[in-house]
Amino acid sequence: MGRRTGEPLVRITDVEVVDVRRERLDHITTEDTRAEGFPEMTAAEFVAFFCRTHTGCTPETIITRIQWRYLDTPVEDHPIPR
């Protein structure tokens, strides 16, 4: 959801980014909505929800999809470089 200017970074867990791509919002599938944490929504319901909650967004909006996997190592083992 992002941080405000000057807001500290709170590290939750380590992940590895495995895919980044740009695509139209309305290309999302029902399988994708489950991966996004909305298993009860169809793709069409998710698109409508997303457009309601993101100002200026339409089904044709190009969005960035970031897919990651959780790493097995604890956060403490990988401190943030300063």
C-alpha atoms as a PDB file:
ATOM      1  CA  MET A   1       0.000   0.000   0.000  1.00  0.00           C
ATOM      2  CA  GLY A   2       3.044   2.236   0.118  1.00  0.00           C
ATOM      3  CA  ARG A   3       4.568   4.521   2.702  1.00  0.00           C
ATOM      4  CA  ARG A   4       4.274   8.242   3.320  1.00  0.00           C
ATOM      5  CA  THR A   5       7.354  10.431   2.935  1.00  0.00           C
ATOM      6  CA  GLY A   6       9.675   9.912   5.887  1.00  0.00           C
ATOM      7  CA  GLU A   7       7.699   6.974   7.252  1.00  0.00           C
ATOM      8  CA  PRO A   8      10.017   4.184   8.464  1.00  0.00           C
ATOM      9  CA  LEU A   9      10.173   0.855   6.676  1.00  0.00           C
ATOM     10  CA  VAL A  10       8.715  -1.969   8.759  1.00  0.00           C
ATOM     11  CA  ARG A  11      10.046  -5.252   7.449  1.00  0.00           C
ATOM     12  CA  ILE A  12       7.551  -8.100   7.686  1.00  0.00           C
ATOM     13  CA  THR A  13       9.231 -10.986   5.859  1.00  0.00           C
ATOM     14  CA  ASP A  14      11.719 -11.756   3.115  1.00  0.00           C
ATOM     15  CA  VAL A  15      10.461 -12.548  -0.376  1.00  0.00           C
ATOM     16  CA  GLU A  16      11.964 -13.185  -3.772  1.00  0.00           C
ATOM     17  CA  VAL A  17      10.367 -11.429  -6.742  1.00  0.00           C
ATOM     18  CA  VAL A  18       9.821 -14.079  -9.401  1.00  0.00           C
ATOM     19  CA  ASP A  19       7.834 -12.125 -12.028  1.00  0.00           C
ATOM     20  CA  VAL A  20       6.991  -8.531 -12.887  1.00  0.00           C
ATOM     21  CA  ARG A  21       4.781  -7.633 -15.814  1.00  0.00           C
ATOM     22  CA  ARG A  22       2.474  -4.889 -17.063  1.00  0.00           C
ATOM     23  CA  GLU A  23      -0.999  -5.819 -18.265  1.00  0.00           C
ATOM     24  CA  ARG A  24      -4.535  -4.527 -18.520  1.00  0.00           C
ATOM     25  CA  LEU A  25      -6.515  -4.862 -15.309  1.00  0.00           C
ATOM     26  CA  ASP A  26      -9.338  -6.657 -17.106  1.00  0.00           C
ATOM     27  CA  HIS A  27      -6.967  -9.466 -18.130  1.00  0.00           C
ATOM     28  CA  ILE A  28      -7.006 -10.823 -14.572  1.00  0.00           C
ATOM     29  CA  THR A  29      -8.385 -14.339 -14.120  1.00  0.00           C
ATOM     30  CA  THR A  30     -10.372 -15.873 -11.282  1.00  0.00           C
ATOM     31  CA  GLU A  31      -7.238 -17.880 -10.424  1.00  0.00           C
ATOM     32  CA  ASP A  32      -5.381 -14.546 -10.131  1.00  0.00           C
ATOM     33  CA  THR A  33      -8.014 -13.143  -7.753  1.00  0.00           C
ATOM     34  CA  ARG A  34      -7.397 -16.092  -5.417  1.00  0.00           C
ATOM     35  CA  ALA A  35      -3.652 -15.368  -5.516  1.00  0.00           C
ATOM     36  CA  GLU A  36      -4.423 -11.708  -4.698  1.00  0.00           C
ATOM     37  CA  GLY A  37      -6.260 -12.817  -1.545  1.00  0.00           C
ATOM     38  CA  PHE A  38      -9.842 -12.529  -2.814  1.00  0.00           C
ATOM     39  CA  PRO A  39     -10.922 -16.167  -3.306  1.00  0.00           C
ATOM     40  CA  GLU A  40     -14.624 -15.316  -3.090  1.00  0.00           C
ATOM     41  CA  MET A  41     -14.518 -12.894  -6.050  1.00  0.00           C
ATOM     42  CA  THR A  42     -14.785 -13.606  -9.738  1.00  0.00           C
ATOM     43  CA  ALA A  43     -12.408 -11.742 -12.040  1.00  0.00           C
ATOM     44  CA  ALA A  44     -15.188  -9.305 -13.017  1.00  0.00           C
ATOM     45  CA  GLU A  45     -16.040  -8.623  -9.356  1.00  0.00           C
ATOM     46  CA  PHE A  46     -12.371  -7.985  -8.562  1.00  0.00           C
ATOM     47  CA  VAL A  47     -12.014  -5.541 -11.477  1.00  0.00           C
ATOM     48  CA  ALA A  48     -15.107  -3.632 -10.318  1.00  0.00           C
ATOM     49  CA  PHE A  49     -13.800  -3.560  -6.724  1.00  0.00           C
ATOM     50  CA  PHE A  50     -10.325  -2.430  -7.827  1.00  0.00           C
ATOM     51  CA  CYS A  51     -11.757   0.376  -9.960  1.00  0.00           C
ATOM     52  CA  ARG A  52     -13.975   1.569  -7.085  1.00  0.00           C
ATOM     53  CA  THR A  53     -11.037   1.748  -4.675  1.00  0.00           C
ATOM     54  CA  HIS A  54      -8.404   3.243  -7.029  1.00  0.00           C
ATOM     55  CA  THR A  55      -9.247   6.713  -8.317  1.00  0.00           C
ATOM     56  CA  GLY A  56      -9.030   7.045 -12.088  1.00  0.00           C
ATOM     57  CA  CYS A  57      -8.727   3.315 -12.675  1.00  0.00           C
ATOM     58  CA  THR A  58     -10.757   1.627 -15.404  1.00  0.00           C
ATOM     59  CA  PRO A  59     -10.825  -1.992 -16.571  1.00  0.00           C
ATOM     60  CA  GLU A  60      -8.505  -0.926 -19.423  1.00  0.00           C
ATOM     61  CA  THR A  61      -5.888   0.560 -17.062  1.00  0.00           C
ATOM     62  CA  ILE A  62      -2.420  -0.936 -17.409  1.00  0.00           C
ATOM     63  CA  ILE A  63      -1.285  -2.198 -14.010  1.00  0.00           C
ATOM     64  CA  THR A  64       1.953  -3.718 -12.738  1.00  0.00           C
ATOM     65  CA  ARG A  65       1.687  -7.308 -11.513  1.00  0.00           C
ATOM     66  CA  ILE A  66       4.399  -8.396  -9.085  1.00  0.00           C
ATOM     67  CA  GLN A  67       4.608 -12.069  -8.138  1.00  0.00           C
ATOM     68  CA  TRP A  68       6.815 -13.217  -5.304  1.00  0.00           C
ATOM     69  CA  ARG A  69       7.572 -16.244  -3.183  1.00  0.00           C
ATOM     70  CA  TYR A  70       8.247 -16.291   0.527  1.00  0.00           C
ATOM     71  CA  LEU A  71      11.793 -17.180   1.552  1.00  0.00           C
ATOM     72  CA  ASP A  72      12.432 -19.706   4.298  1.00  0.00           C
ATOM     73  CA  THR A  73      15.028 -17.613   6.135  1.00  0.00           C
ATOM     74  CA  PRO A  74      13.973 -15.374   9.043  1.00  0.00           C
ATOM     75  CA  VAL A  75      13.904 -11.607   8.557  1.00  0.00           C
ATOM     76  CA  GLU A  76      16.627 -11.109  11.232  1.00  0.00           C
ATOM     77  CA  ASP A  77      19.116 -12.985   9.042  1.00  0.00           C
ATOM     78  CA  HIS A  78      18.805 -10.344   6.300  1.00  0.00           C
ATOM     79  CA  PRO A  79      19.055  -6.836   7.811  1.00  0.00           C
ATOM     80  CA  ILE A  80      18.138  -3.868   5.636  1.00  0.00           C
ATOM     81  CA  PRO A  81      21.289  -2.223   4.178  1.00  0.00           C
ATOM     82  CA  ARG A  82      21.606   1.379   5.354  1.00  0.00           C
END
